[in-house]
């Protein structure tokens, strides 16, 4: 299976809703668009176990990112998305070990996951900084004597 070219950014919103044009959503979309067809080629015995775990993991990652974007408190969903991405990478390594994917597919899939991970990490860092700033507003202002 040859890699699908990636877009720079795309709108991933339903008609009439707010557009999602951030790079993390674009890269997650690229991951889903590539990963799901790749898992459809798994042997029948693994489609209901390994393929399903990979597909559900990728879908869960997208759900958690959407929840973080729409939440006033994104830190929890972003932390969950980070854990989901780690599990997705682990399952992808298992698929390679079980020879369900080619070395080229493994490398391409990991590259996509790493791109999502870098963007997610930056968002998570920003959310942690904002959370810390909200938790200690008194430290930024001094009370006159």
N, C-alpha and C. Protein backbone atom coordinates (compact mmCIF):
# COMPACT_ATOMS: atom_id res chain seq x y z
N UNK A 1 0.85 -1.17 0.00
CA UNK A 1 0.00 0.00 0.00
C UNK A 1 0.89 1.23 0.00
N UNK A 2 0.71 2.10 -0.99
CA UNK A 2 1.55 3.28 -1.05
C UNK A 2 0.99 4.37 -0.15
N UNK A 3 1.88 5.20 0.41
CA UNK A 3 1.42 6.26 1.32
C UNK A 3 0.52 7.25 0.60
N UNK A 4 -0.44 7.76 1.33
CA UNK A 4 -1.35 8.78 0.83
C UNK A 4 -0.70 10.14 1.09
N UNK A 5 -0.64 11.01 0.08
CA UNK A 5 -0.03 12.32 0.31
C UNK A 5 -0.77 13.09 1.40
N UNK A 6 -0.02 13.82 2.18
CA UNK A 6 -0.60 14.59 3.29
C UNK A 6 -0.95 15.99 2.84
N UNK A 7 -1.99 16.51 3.40
CA UNK A 7 -2.34 17.90 3.13
C UNK A 7 -1.73 18.77 4.21
N UNK A 8 -1.54 19.99 3.88
CA UNK A 8 -1.01 20.92 4.88
C UNK A 8 -2.04 21.15 5.98
N UNK A 9 -3.20 21.58 5.58
CA UNK A 9 -4.30 21.76 6.53
C UNK A 9 -5.61 21.57 5.79
N UNK A 10 -6.60 21.13 6.47
CA UNK A 10 -7.91 20.97 5.87
C UNK A 10 -8.96 21.24 6.93
N UNK A 11 -10.13 21.55 6.47
CA UNK A 11 -11.25 21.76 7.39
C UNK A 11 -11.90 20.41 7.63
N UNK A 12 -12.01 20.01 8.89
CA UNK A 12 -12.57 18.73 9.25
C UNK A 12 -13.91 18.86 9.95
N UNK A 13 -14.61 19.93 9.68
CA UNK A 13 -15.87 20.17 10.39
C UNK A 13 -17.06 19.75 9.54
N UNK A 14 -18.12 19.42 10.21
CA UNK A 14 -19.38 19.13 9.53
C UNK A 14 -19.94 20.43 9.00
N UNK A 15 -20.73 20.37 7.93
CA UNK A 15 -21.34 21.60 7.41
C UNK A 15 -22.13 22.32 8.50
N UNK A 16 -21.91 23.62 8.60
CA UNK A 16 -22.64 24.42 9.57
C UNK A 16 -21.99 24.49 10.94
N UNK A 17 -20.89 23.77 11.16
CA UNK A 17 -20.22 23.84 12.46
C UNK A 17 -18.90 24.59 12.32
N UNK A 18 -18.28 24.88 13.44
CA UNK A 18 -17.01 25.61 13.42
C UNK A 18 -15.92 24.75 12.79
N UNK A 19 -15.08 25.32 11.92
CA UNK A 19 -14.03 24.53 11.27
C UNK A 19 -12.91 24.17 12.24
N UNK A 20 -12.30 23.03 11.98
CA UNK A 20 -11.16 22.58 12.77
C UNK A 20 -9.97 22.63 11.82
N UNK A 21 -9.14 23.64 11.95
CA UNK A 21 -8.06 23.82 10.99
C UNK A 21 -6.69 23.82 11.64
N UNK A 22 -6.55 23.26 12.80
CA UNK A 22 -5.25 23.24 13.44
C UNK A 22 -4.43 22.05 12.93
N UNK A 23 -3.12 22.16 12.96
CA UNK A 23 -2.27 21.08 12.45
C UNK A 23 -2.48 19.74 13.14
N UNK A 24 -2.76 19.73 14.43
CA UNK A 24 -2.93 18.44 15.12
C UNK A 24 -4.14 17.69 14.57
N UNK A 25 -5.20 18.40 14.22
CA UNK A 25 -6.37 17.74 13.64
C UNK A 25 -6.09 17.27 12.22
N UNK A 26 -5.36 18.07 11.48
CA UNK A 26 -5.00 17.69 10.11
C UNK A 26 -4.13 16.43 10.11
N UNK A 27 -3.16 16.38 11.00
CA UNK A 27 -2.27 15.21 11.07
C UNK A 27 -3.00 13.99 11.62
N UNK A 28 -3.91 14.20 12.54
CA UNK A 28 -4.70 13.08 13.06
C UNK A 28 -5.61 12.54 11.97
N UNK A 29 -6.17 13.43 11.17
CA UNK A 29 -6.99 13.01 10.04
C UNK A 29 -6.15 12.18 9.06
N UNK A 30 -4.94 12.67 8.75
CA UNK A 30 -4.05 11.92 7.86
C UNK A 30 -3.75 10.54 8.42
N UNK A 31 -3.53 10.46 9.72
CA UNK A 31 -3.26 9.17 10.37
C UNK A 31 -4.45 8.23 10.20
N UNK A 32 -5.64 8.71 10.51
CA UNK A 32 -6.85 7.88 10.37
C UNK A 32 -7.08 7.46 8.92
N UNK A 33 -6.91 8.40 8.02
CA UNK A 33 -7.14 8.13 6.60
C UNK A 33 -6.19 7.06 6.07
N UNK A 34 -4.98 6.99 6.62
CA UNK A 34 -4.02 5.99 6.18
C UNK A 34 -4.13 4.69 6.99
N UNK A 35 -4.30 4.80 8.30
CA UNK A 35 -4.25 3.63 9.18
C UNK A 35 -5.42 2.67 8.97
N UNK A 36 -6.62 3.18 8.87
CA UNK A 36 -7.78 2.30 8.77
C UNK A 36 -7.71 1.42 7.52
N UNK A 37 -7.45 1.96 6.33
CA UNK A 37 -7.30 1.05 5.17
C UNK A 37 -6.15 0.06 5.32
N UNK A 38 -5.07 0.49 5.97
CA UNK A 38 -3.93 -0.41 6.17
C UNK A 38 -4.31 -1.61 7.03
N UNK A 39 -5.16 -1.39 8.02
CA UNK A 39 -5.56 -2.50 8.90
C UNK A 39 -6.58 -3.43 8.26
N UNK A 40 -7.24 -2.97 7.21
CA UNK A 40 -8.20 -3.82 6.52
C UNK A 40 -7.52 -4.97 5.79
N UNK A 41 -6.22 -4.85 5.59
CA UNK A 41 -5.46 -5.91 4.93
C UNK A 41 -4.93 -6.96 5.90
N UNK A 42 -5.22 -6.82 7.18
CA UNK A 42 -4.77 -7.80 8.16
C UNK A 42 -5.44 -9.14 7.87
N UNK A 43 -4.78 -10.24 8.23
CA UNK A 43 -5.44 -11.55 8.09
C UNK A 43 -6.75 -11.57 8.87
N UNK A 44 -7.68 -12.35 8.37
CA UNK A 44 -9.02 -12.41 8.97
C UNK A 44 -8.98 -12.64 10.48
N UNK A 45 -8.10 -13.52 10.94
CA UNK A 45 -8.02 -13.83 12.37
C UNK A 45 -7.61 -12.61 13.21
N UNK A 46 -6.91 -11.64 12.61
CA UNK A 46 -6.45 -10.47 13.36
C UNK A 46 -7.31 -9.23 13.14
N UNK A 47 -8.24 -9.30 12.22
CA UNK A 47 -9.09 -8.12 11.96
C UNK A 47 -9.95 -7.77 13.15
N UNK A 48 -10.33 -8.75 13.93
CA UNK A 48 -11.23 -8.50 15.06
C UNK A 48 -10.48 -8.25 16.36
N UNK A 49 -9.16 -8.39 16.31
CA UNK A 49 -8.36 -8.15 17.51
C UNK A 49 -7.40 -6.99 17.26
N UNK A 50 -6.34 -7.26 16.52
CA UNK A 50 -5.31 -6.24 16.30
C UNK A 50 -5.83 -5.06 15.49
N UNK A 51 -6.50 -5.34 14.38
CA UNK A 51 -7.01 -4.25 13.54
C UNK A 51 -8.04 -3.42 14.30
N UNK A 52 -8.93 -4.08 15.00
CA UNK A 52 -9.95 -3.35 15.76
C UNK A 52 -9.32 -2.48 16.85
N UNK A 53 -8.29 -2.98 17.52
CA UNK A 53 -7.62 -2.20 18.56
C UNK A 53 -6.96 -0.95 17.97
N UNK A 54 -6.34 -1.11 16.81
CA UNK A 54 -5.69 0.04 16.17
C UNK A 54 -6.72 1.05 15.68
N UNK A 55 -7.77 0.57 15.07
CA UNK A 55 -8.81 1.47 14.57
C UNK A 55 -9.49 2.21 15.71
N UNK A 56 -9.85 1.49 16.76
CA UNK A 56 -10.50 2.12 17.91
C UNK A 56 -9.57 3.09 18.61
N UNK A 57 -8.30 2.74 18.71
CA UNK A 57 -7.33 3.65 19.33
C UNK A 57 -7.21 4.96 18.57
N UNK A 58 -7.16 4.88 17.25
CA UNK A 58 -7.06 6.09 16.44
C UNK A 58 -8.34 6.92 16.55
N UNK A 59 -9.49 6.26 16.56
CA UNK A 59 -10.76 6.98 16.72
C UNK A 59 -10.85 7.62 18.10
N UNK A 60 -10.41 6.91 19.13
CA UNK A 60 -10.42 7.46 20.49
C UNK A 60 -9.52 8.68 20.59
N UNK A 61 -8.38 8.63 19.93
CA UNK A 61 -7.47 9.78 19.92
C UNK A 61 -8.18 11.01 19.35
N UNK A 62 -8.85 10.84 18.23
CA UNK A 62 -9.58 11.95 17.63
C UNK A 62 -10.68 12.46 18.56
N UNK A 63 -11.44 11.56 19.18
CA UNK A 63 -12.49 11.98 20.12
C UNK A 63 -11.91 12.79 21.27
N UNK A 64 -10.79 12.36 21.82
CA UNK A 64 -10.19 13.07 22.95
C UNK A 64 -9.68 14.45 22.53
N UNK A 65 -9.12 14.56 21.33
CA UNK A 65 -8.67 15.86 20.84
C UNK A 65 -9.85 16.81 20.63
N UNK A 66 -10.93 16.28 20.07
CA UNK A 66 -12.13 17.11 19.89
C UNK A 66 -12.69 17.56 21.23
N UNK A 67 -12.69 16.66 22.20
CA UNK A 67 -13.18 17.00 23.55
C UNK A 67 -12.30 18.09 24.16
N UNK A 68 -10.98 17.97 23.97
CA UNK A 68 -10.07 18.98 24.52
C UNK A 68 -10.30 20.34 23.87
N UNK A 69 -10.54 20.33 22.57
CA UNK A 69 -10.75 21.58 21.85
C UNK A 69 -12.03 22.28 22.33
N UNK A 70 -13.04 21.53 22.64
CA UNK A 70 -14.34 22.11 23.00
C UNK A 70 -14.50 22.30 24.51
N UNK A 71 -13.51 21.87 25.27
CA UNK A 71 -13.60 21.92 26.72
C UNK A 71 -12.94 23.19 27.25
N UNK A 72 -13.50 23.70 28.33
CA UNK A 72 -12.87 24.81 29.02
C UNK A 72 -11.66 24.36 29.83
N UNK A 73 -11.57 23.07 30.07
CA UNK A 73 -10.46 22.47 30.81
C UNK A 73 -9.83 21.38 29.93
N UNK A 74 -8.97 21.74 28.97
CA UNK A 74 -8.46 20.74 28.02
C UNK A 74 -7.39 19.81 28.58
N UNK A 75 -6.86 20.11 29.76
CA UNK A 75 -5.75 19.31 30.27
C UNK A 75 -6.10 17.83 30.44
N UNK A 76 -7.26 17.51 30.97
CA UNK A 76 -7.66 16.12 31.16
C UNK A 76 -7.78 15.35 29.85
N UNK A 77 -8.55 15.88 28.88
CA UNK A 77 -8.65 15.18 27.60
C UNK A 77 -7.32 15.08 26.86
N UNK A 78 -6.47 16.10 26.99
CA UNK A 78 -5.17 16.04 26.32
C UNK A 78 -4.27 14.99 26.95
N UNK A 79 -4.33 14.86 28.26
CA UNK A 79 -3.56 13.82 28.95
C UNK A 79 -4.05 12.44 28.52
N UNK A 80 -5.35 12.29 28.42
CA UNK A 80 -5.92 11.02 27.95
C UNK A 80 -5.51 10.75 26.51
N UNK A 81 -5.50 11.77 25.66
CA UNK A 81 -5.09 11.60 24.26
C UNK A 81 -3.62 11.18 24.18
N UNK A 82 -2.79 11.73 25.04
CA UNK A 82 -1.38 11.36 25.07
C UNK A 82 -1.21 9.88 25.43
N UNK A 83 -1.97 9.42 26.41
CA UNK A 83 -1.91 8.01 26.80
C UNK A 83 -2.46 7.12 25.68
N UNK A 84 -3.51 7.56 25.01
CA UNK A 84 -4.08 6.80 23.90
C UNK A 84 -3.08 6.69 22.75
N UNK A 85 -2.37 7.77 22.47
CA UNK A 85 -1.36 7.74 21.41
C UNK A 85 -0.23 6.78 21.77
N UNK A 86 0.19 6.76 23.03
CA UNK A 86 1.23 5.82 23.46
C UNK A 86 0.77 4.37 23.27
N UNK A 87 -0.48 4.10 23.60
CA UNK A 87 -1.04 2.75 23.42
C UNK A 87 -1.14 2.40 21.93
N UNK A 88 -1.51 3.37 21.12
CA UNK A 88 -1.60 3.15 19.67
C UNK A 88 -0.23 2.79 19.10
N UNK A 89 0.80 3.48 19.53
CA UNK A 89 2.17 3.16 19.08
C UNK A 89 2.58 1.76 19.52
N UNK A 90 2.23 1.40 20.73
CA UNK A 90 2.53 0.06 21.24
C UNK A 90 1.85 -1.01 20.39
N UNK A 91 0.57 -0.80 20.10
CA UNK A 91 -0.17 -1.76 19.27
C UNK A 91 0.38 -1.83 17.84
N UNK A 92 0.87 -0.70 17.33
CA UNK A 92 1.47 -0.67 16.00
C UNK A 92 2.76 -1.50 15.98
N UNK A 93 3.53 -1.40 17.07
CA UNK A 93 4.76 -2.22 17.19
C UNK A 93 4.41 -3.70 17.24
N UNK A 94 3.34 -4.04 17.95
CA UNK A 94 2.91 -5.43 17.99
C UNK A 94 2.52 -5.93 16.60
N UNK A 95 1.83 -5.08 15.84
CA UNK A 95 1.45 -5.47 14.48
C UNK A 95 2.69 -5.76 13.64
N UNK A 96 3.74 -5.00 13.85
CA UNK A 96 4.99 -5.26 13.13
C UNK A 96 5.61 -6.57 13.60
N UNK A 97 5.66 -6.77 14.91
CA UNK A 97 6.24 -8.00 15.46
C UNK A 97 5.49 -9.24 14.97
N UNK A 98 4.20 -9.12 14.79
CA UNK A 98 3.38 -10.24 14.32
C UNK A 98 3.37 -10.33 12.80
N UNK A 99 4.14 -9.47 12.15
CA UNK A 99 4.28 -9.43 10.69
C UNK A 99 2.93 -9.20 9.99
N UNK A 100 2.12 -8.36 10.59
CA UNK A 100 0.84 -7.98 9.99
C UNK A 100 1.01 -6.80 9.04
N UNK A 101 2.13 -6.10 9.18
CA UNK A 101 2.43 -4.95 8.34
C UNK A 101 3.87 -5.07 7.84
N UNK A 102 4.15 -4.40 6.76
CA UNK A 102 5.51 -4.41 6.20
C UNK A 102 6.38 -3.41 6.97
N UNK A 103 7.71 -3.54 6.85
CA UNK A 103 8.59 -2.54 7.50
C UNK A 103 8.29 -1.12 7.01
N UNK A 104 7.98 -0.97 5.73
CA UNK A 104 7.65 0.36 5.20
C UNK A 104 6.37 0.92 5.81
N UNK A 105 5.37 0.06 5.97
CA UNK A 105 4.13 0.50 6.62
C UNK A 105 4.40 0.89 8.07
N UNK A 106 5.22 0.09 8.74
CA UNK A 106 5.54 0.40 10.13
C UNK A 106 6.19 1.78 10.23
N UNK A 107 7.19 2.04 9.40
CA UNK A 107 7.90 3.32 9.44
C UNK A 107 6.95 4.48 9.13
N UNK A 108 6.13 4.32 8.10
CA UNK A 108 5.21 5.39 7.73
C UNK A 108 4.20 5.66 8.85
N UNK A 109 3.63 4.60 9.39
CA UNK A 109 2.67 4.75 10.49
C UNK A 109 3.29 5.42 11.71
N UNK A 110 4.51 5.01 12.04
CA UNK A 110 5.18 5.62 13.20
C UNK A 110 5.49 7.09 12.93
N UNK A 111 5.86 7.40 11.71
CA UNK A 111 6.14 8.80 11.36
C UNK A 111 4.88 9.65 11.54
N UNK A 112 3.74 9.13 11.09
CA UNK A 112 2.48 9.85 11.28
C UNK A 112 2.16 10.03 12.76
N UNK A 113 2.35 8.97 13.53
CA UNK A 113 2.06 9.03 14.97
C UNK A 113 3.01 9.99 15.68
N UNK A 114 4.27 10.02 15.27
CA UNK A 114 5.23 10.94 15.87
C UNK A 114 4.86 12.40 15.58
N UNK A 115 4.39 12.67 14.36
CA UNK A 115 3.96 14.03 14.02
C UNK A 115 2.79 14.45 14.91
N UNK A 116 1.82 13.57 15.06
CA UNK A 116 0.69 13.87 15.95
C UNK A 116 1.20 14.08 17.37
N UNK A 117 2.13 13.23 17.80
CA UNK A 117 2.67 13.32 19.15
C UNK A 117 3.38 14.64 19.41
N UNK A 118 4.15 15.13 18.44
CA UNK A 118 4.83 16.42 18.63
C UNK A 118 3.81 17.55 18.79
N UNK A 119 2.80 17.56 17.95
CA UNK A 119 1.78 18.60 18.03
C UNK A 119 0.96 18.49 19.31
N UNK A 120 0.63 17.27 19.68
CA UNK A 120 -0.11 17.04 20.93
C UNK A 120 0.73 17.47 22.13
N UNK A 121 2.02 17.15 22.10
CA UNK A 121 2.91 17.54 23.20
C UNK A 121 2.98 19.05 23.37
N UNK A 122 3.03 19.78 22.26
CA UNK A 122 3.07 21.24 22.34
C UNK A 122 1.76 21.79 22.93
N UNK A 123 0.63 21.21 22.51
CA UNK A 123 -0.67 21.64 23.03
C UNK A 123 -0.78 21.30 24.51
N UNK A 124 -0.30 20.13 24.88
CA UNK A 124 -0.33 19.71 26.28
C UNK A 124 0.53 20.63 27.15
N UNK A 125 1.70 21.01 26.64
CA UNK A 125 2.58 21.91 27.38
C UNK A 125 1.90 23.26 27.61
N UNK A 126 1.27 23.78 26.56
CA UNK A 126 0.55 25.05 26.67
C UNK A 126 -0.59 24.95 27.68
N UNK A 127 -1.33 23.85 27.62
CA UNK A 127 -2.45 23.66 28.55
C UNK A 127 -1.96 23.57 29.99
N UNK A 128 -0.83 22.89 30.20
CA UNK A 128 -0.27 22.80 31.56
C UNK A 128 0.16 24.16 32.07
N UNK A 129 0.78 24.96 31.19
CA UNK A 129 1.21 26.30 31.59
C UNK A 129 0.02 27.18 31.94
N UNK A 130 -1.04 27.11 31.13
CA UNK A 130 -2.24 27.89 31.42
C UNK A 130 -2.90 27.44 32.71
N UNK A 131 -2.91 26.13 32.95
CA UNK A 131 -3.49 25.58 34.17
C UNK A 131 -2.70 26.05 35.39
N UNK A 132 -1.37 26.06 35.27
CA UNK A 132 -0.53 26.51 36.38
C UNK A 132 -0.72 28.00 36.64
N UNK A 133 -0.88 28.78 35.57
CA UNK A 133 -1.10 30.21 35.73
C UNK A 133 -2.44 30.50 36.40
N UNK A 134 -3.46 29.71 36.06
CA UNK A 134 -4.78 29.88 36.69
C UNK A 134 -4.74 29.47 38.16
N UNK A 135 -3.93 28.47 38.47
CA UNK A 135 -3.88 27.96 39.83
C UNK A 135 -3.19 28.91 40.79
N UNK A 136 -2.31 29.77 40.27
CA UNK A 136 -1.58 30.66 41.17
C UNK A 136 -1.61 32.12 40.68
N UNK A 137 -2.80 32.71 40.57
CA UNK A 137 -2.86 34.11 40.12
C UNK A 137 -2.32 35.07 41.16
N UNK A 138 -2.35 34.72 42.42
CA UNK A 138 -1.87 35.59 43.49
C UNK A 138 -0.37 35.80 43.41
N UNK A 139 0.36 34.86 42.86
CA UNK A 139 1.81 34.99 42.80
C UNK A 139 2.24 36.02 41.77
N UNK A 140 1.34 36.43 40.87
CA UNK A 140 1.67 37.40 39.85
C UNK A 140 1.37 38.83 40.28
N UNK A 141 0.62 39.02 41.34
CA UNK A 141 0.31 40.37 41.81
C UNK A 141 0.77 40.52 43.24
N UNK A 142 1.21 41.68 43.54
CA UNK A 142 1.65 41.94 44.92
C UNK A 142 0.64 42.85 45.59
N UNK A 143 0.38 42.57 46.85
CA UNK A 143 -0.53 43.41 47.62
C UNK A 143 0.28 44.54 48.24
N UNK A 144 -0.21 45.78 48.11
CA UNK A 144 0.50 46.88 48.76
C UNK A 144 0.41 46.76 50.28
N UNK A 145 1.43 47.23 50.99
CA UNK A 145 1.42 47.12 52.46
C UNK A 145 0.36 47.92 53.14
